[in-house]
Amino acid sequence: MVMHHTEAAPSHDAEGCAEPFPIRPAAGSDAQAAVATATAHRDALSAQLMVSGALLFRDFELRTMEEFGRLVDAF
C-alpha cells in the first residue's frame, strides 16, 4: 500500500472535537502512486472522513497543482 495512516482511531482535542485523520505516503511513493492508492481505497478513506470529519494528507510528493488536483479528483 502506498499510503498509511498514523493513528488507529480518530483523536480528539481538548474540547472533544475530532481532529483530522493523518495519512502519510509510504517511502518512495510518487504522485501517480498516491492517486492510484486513493482511488483503490476510496471507500475506506471516505468512511474515515465521516468518522473524523477531515483527512490530513502529509508529506506527499505533489509538486504541481495538477498533481494535487488528480489526488482530490480520486475521491
N, C-alpha and C. Protein backbone atom coordinates (compact mmCIF):
# COMPACT_ATOMS: atom_id res chain seq x y z
N MET A 1 0.85 -1.18 0.00
CA MET A 1 0.00 0.00 0.00
C MET A 1 0.88 1.23 0.00
N VAL A 2 0.53 2.19 -0.78
CA VAL A 2 1.33 3.40 -0.91
C VAL A 2 1.10 4.35 0.25
N MET A 3 -0.12 4.41 0.77
CA MET A 3 -0.41 5.32 1.87
C MET A 3 -0.66 4.52 3.14
N HIS A 4 -0.36 5.13 4.25
CA HIS A 4 -0.71 4.53 5.53
C HIS A 4 -1.13 5.63 6.48
N HIS A 5 -1.96 5.27 7.42
CA HIS A 5 -2.37 6.26 8.41
C HIS A 5 -1.46 6.14 9.61
N THR A 6 -1.45 7.19 10.41
CA THR A 6 -0.55 7.23 11.54
C THR A 6 -1.25 6.98 12.87
N GLU A 7 -2.56 6.80 12.86
CA GLU A 7 -3.30 6.54 14.08
C GLU A 7 -4.35 5.47 13.81
N ALA A 8 -4.71 4.69 14.80
CA ALA A 8 -5.70 3.64 14.63
C ALA A 8 -7.12 4.17 14.74
N ALA A 9 -7.33 5.24 15.49
CA ALA A 9 -8.66 5.80 15.69
C ALA A 9 -8.55 7.31 15.72
N PRO A 10 -9.64 8.01 15.44
CA PRO A 10 -9.56 9.46 15.47
C PRO A 10 -9.25 9.97 16.87
N SER A 11 -8.42 11.00 16.94
CA SER A 11 -8.13 11.60 18.23
C SER A 11 -9.02 12.83 18.40
N HIS A 12 -9.06 13.33 19.60
CA HIS A 12 -9.92 14.47 19.91
C HIS A 12 -9.11 15.55 20.60
N ASP A 13 -9.48 16.78 20.36
CA ASP A 13 -8.79 17.89 21.01
C ASP A 13 -9.35 18.10 22.42
N ALA A 14 -8.91 19.14 23.08
CA ALA A 14 -9.30 19.39 24.47
C ALA A 14 -10.81 19.61 24.62
N GLU A 15 -11.48 20.09 23.59
CA GLU A 15 -12.93 20.32 23.65
C GLU A 15 -13.72 19.08 23.24
N GLY A 16 -13.03 18.00 22.90
CA GLY A 16 -13.71 16.77 22.50
C GLY A 16 -14.06 16.69 21.03
N CYS A 17 -13.58 17.65 20.23
CA CYS A 17 -13.84 17.63 18.78
C CYS A 17 -12.84 16.70 18.10
N ALA A 18 -13.32 15.96 17.12
CA ALA A 18 -12.43 15.07 16.37
C ALA A 18 -11.40 15.88 15.60
N GLU A 19 -10.18 15.39 15.56
CA GLU A 19 -9.11 16.04 14.80
C GLU A 19 -8.98 15.35 13.45
N PRO A 20 -8.39 16.02 12.46
CA PRO A 20 -8.20 15.39 11.15
C PRO A 20 -7.43 14.08 11.27
N PHE A 21 -7.77 13.13 10.42
CA PHE A 21 -7.12 11.83 10.40
C PHE A 21 -5.89 11.92 9.51
N PRO A 22 -4.67 11.78 10.06
CA PRO A 22 -3.45 11.94 9.26
C PRO A 22 -3.14 10.72 8.39
N ILE A 23 -2.77 11.00 7.14
CA ILE A 23 -2.38 9.96 6.20
C ILE A 23 -1.05 10.37 5.58
N ARG A 24 -0.09 9.47 5.59
CA ARG A 24 1.24 9.74 5.04
C ARG A 24 1.57 8.70 3.97
N PRO A 25 2.37 9.09 2.99
CA PRO A 25 2.75 8.13 1.95
C PRO A 25 3.80 7.15 2.46
N ALA A 26 3.80 5.97 1.87
CA ALA A 26 4.88 5.03 2.14
C ALA A 26 6.15 5.58 1.50
N ALA A 27 7.27 5.21 2.01
CA ALA A 27 8.55 5.69 1.48
C ALA A 27 8.68 5.36 0.00
N GLY A 28 9.15 6.33 -0.76
CA GLY A 28 9.41 6.12 -2.17
C GLY A 28 8.23 6.23 -3.09
N SER A 29 7.06 6.58 -2.58
CA SER A 29 5.89 6.70 -3.46
C SER A 29 5.90 8.06 -4.15
N ASP A 30 5.27 8.11 -5.31
CA ASP A 30 5.17 9.36 -6.06
C ASP A 30 3.71 9.77 -6.20
N ALA A 31 3.47 10.86 -6.88
CA ALA A 31 2.11 11.39 -7.03
C ALA A 31 1.20 10.38 -7.73
N GLN A 32 1.69 9.73 -8.77
CA GLN A 32 0.88 8.76 -9.51
C GLN A 32 0.47 7.60 -8.61
N ALA A 33 1.38 7.12 -7.78
CA ALA A 33 1.07 6.02 -6.86
C ALA A 33 0.07 6.47 -5.80
N ALA A 34 0.19 7.71 -5.33
CA ALA A 34 -0.76 8.22 -4.33
C ALA A 34 -2.17 8.29 -4.91
N VAL A 35 -2.29 8.74 -6.15
CA VAL A 35 -3.60 8.82 -6.80
C VAL A 35 -4.18 7.43 -6.99
N ALA A 36 -3.37 6.49 -7.44
CA ALA A 36 -3.84 5.11 -7.66
C ALA A 36 -4.31 4.49 -6.35
N THR A 37 -3.59 4.72 -5.28
CA THR A 37 -3.96 4.16 -3.99
C THR A 37 -5.22 4.83 -3.43
N ALA A 38 -5.31 6.14 -3.58
CA ALA A 38 -6.52 6.84 -3.11
C ALA A 38 -7.75 6.33 -3.87
N THR A 39 -7.59 6.09 -5.15
CA THR A 39 -8.69 5.56 -5.94
C THR A 39 -9.07 4.15 -5.47
N ALA A 40 -8.08 3.32 -5.25
CA ALA A 40 -8.31 1.93 -4.83
C ALA A 40 -8.93 1.85 -3.43
N HIS A 41 -8.63 2.81 -2.57
CA HIS A 41 -9.10 2.79 -1.18
C HIS A 41 -10.11 3.89 -0.89
N ARG A 42 -10.80 4.32 -1.93
CA ARG A 42 -11.77 5.42 -1.82
C ARG A 42 -12.81 5.16 -0.73
N ASP A 43 -13.35 3.95 -0.68
CA ASP A 43 -14.40 3.65 0.31
C ASP A 43 -13.88 3.75 1.74
N ALA A 44 -12.70 3.19 1.99
CA ALA A 44 -12.12 3.25 3.34
C ALA A 44 -11.79 4.68 3.74
N LEU A 45 -11.25 5.47 2.80
CA LEU A 45 -10.93 6.86 3.11
C LEU A 45 -12.20 7.68 3.32
N SER A 46 -13.23 7.41 2.54
CA SER A 46 -14.50 8.11 2.72
C SER A 46 -15.12 7.77 4.07
N ALA A 47 -15.04 6.51 4.47
CA ALA A 47 -15.57 6.10 5.78
C ALA A 47 -14.81 6.80 6.90
N GLN A 48 -13.49 6.88 6.77
CA GLN A 48 -12.69 7.56 7.80
C GLN A 48 -13.02 9.05 7.82
N LEU A 49 -13.27 9.63 6.68
CA LEU A 49 -13.66 11.04 6.61
C LEU A 49 -14.95 11.28 7.38
N MET A 50 -15.89 10.37 7.29
CA MET A 50 -17.15 10.51 8.01
C MET A 50 -16.93 10.42 9.53
N VAL A 51 -15.98 9.63 9.97
CA VAL A 51 -15.69 9.48 11.41
C VAL A 51 -14.94 10.69 11.94
N SER A 52 -13.90 11.12 11.22
CA SER A 52 -13.01 12.17 11.70
C SER A 52 -13.46 13.57 11.33
N GLY A 53 -14.17 13.68 10.22
CA GLY A 53 -14.55 15.00 9.74
C GLY A 53 -13.56 15.61 8.78
N ALA A 54 -12.33 15.07 8.75
CA ALA A 54 -11.30 15.60 7.84
C ALA A 54 -10.18 14.58 7.71
N LEU A 55 -9.55 14.58 6.53
CA LEU A 55 -8.35 13.78 6.30
C LEU A 55 -7.19 14.75 6.12
N LEU A 56 -6.07 14.46 6.73
CA LEU A 56 -4.90 15.32 6.64
C LEU A 56 -3.81 14.57 5.88
N PHE A 57 -3.60 14.94 4.63
CA PHE A 57 -2.56 14.31 3.81
C PHE A 57 -1.25 15.04 4.06
N ARG A 58 -0.23 14.31 4.56
CA ARG A 58 1.05 14.92 4.91
C ARG A 58 2.18 14.28 4.12
N ASP A 59 3.15 15.08 3.73
CA ASP A 59 4.41 14.62 3.13
C ASP A 59 4.25 13.93 1.78
N PHE A 60 3.22 14.26 1.03
CA PHE A 60 3.07 13.68 -0.30
C PHE A 60 3.91 14.47 -1.29
N GLU A 61 4.47 13.79 -2.27
CA GLU A 61 5.31 14.42 -3.28
C GLU A 61 4.45 14.98 -4.41
N LEU A 62 3.59 15.91 -4.07
CA LEU A 62 2.74 16.58 -5.06
C LEU A 62 3.40 17.91 -5.37
N ARG A 63 3.95 18.02 -6.55
CA ARG A 63 4.76 19.19 -6.89
C ARG A 63 4.00 20.26 -7.66
N THR A 64 2.87 19.92 -8.24
CA THR A 64 2.12 20.89 -9.03
C THR A 64 0.65 20.88 -8.61
N MET A 65 -0.05 21.93 -8.99
CA MET A 65 -1.49 21.98 -8.73
C MET A 65 -2.21 20.86 -9.49
N GLU A 66 -1.69 20.50 -10.65
CA GLU A 66 -2.28 19.42 -11.45
C GLU A 66 -2.20 18.10 -10.69
N GLU A 67 -1.05 17.80 -10.07
CA GLU A 67 -0.91 16.57 -9.28
C GLU A 67 -1.85 16.60 -8.07
N PHE A 68 -1.93 17.73 -7.41
CA PHE A 68 -2.85 17.85 -6.28
C PHE A 68 -4.29 17.64 -6.74
N GLY A 69 -4.64 18.23 -7.87
CA GLY A 69 -5.99 18.09 -8.42
C GLY A 69 -6.33 16.64 -8.72
N ARG A 70 -5.37 15.88 -9.23
CA ARG A 70 -5.62 14.45 -9.50
C ARG A 70 -5.88 13.69 -8.22
N LEU A 71 -5.17 14.02 -7.13
CA LEU A 71 -5.42 13.35 -5.85
C LEU A 71 -6.82 13.70 -5.34
N VAL A 72 -7.19 14.97 -5.42
CA VAL A 72 -8.52 15.39 -4.99
C VAL A 72 -9.59 14.70 -5.83
N ASP A 73 -9.39 14.64 -7.12
CA ASP A 73 -10.37 14.00 -8.03
C ASP A 73 -10.50 12.51 -7.79
N ALA A 74 -9.51 11.89 -7.15
CA ALA A 74 -9.57 10.46 -6.86
C ALA A 74 -10.71 10.14 -5.91
N PHE A 75 -11.17 11.13 -5.16
CA PHE A 75 -12.30 10.93 -4.27
C PHE A 75 -13.58 11.19 -4.99
